[in-house]
Amino acid sequence: MALLPSTRELRTRGASTLVPLQGGIATVATGTIASMLADRPLTIRGLSVRLAVCGTAGTTTVQVHRNGVAVTGATVSIANTATDPTLATLAAAMTPVDCSPGDAISLVISAAGTDATGLTAYANIIEKE
């Protein structure tokens, strides 16, 4: 699991500051792959997941969690039958989710396809306007 710095350390100039939360794992297995602690109001706006090899059976699923609970609508699943490599993005279809200072935000693999490899996940999080 990669633990990222607080959002205070990630501040940049501009109206909408992008707060990156990304994680990766070579051999896909269930568990948390990245997390951060919000130190100001934030909005989760999307999720992208890439698999180098989609596996031989099952589906790989990545979720955004807030305070240990899966965020409704913030889930991307890739079936083993998808073409290698595959990029799945959830942005336009996702209802933005607001987070408060002190919220723990995580990327969690909740299901791992058999022999799936090369997973990278990225949550699109911005300062709440």
Foldseek 3Di string as FASTA:
>chain_A
DDEDEEVVVQDDDDDKRWDKWKFKDFWDDWDWGYKYFYQAKKKWAKKKKKWQQQADFDKKKKFKDKQRHGDPPRMDIDGNPDDGIDMDMGGPPGDIDMDGGGIMITITTPDHHHRTGIMMMIITMIHDD
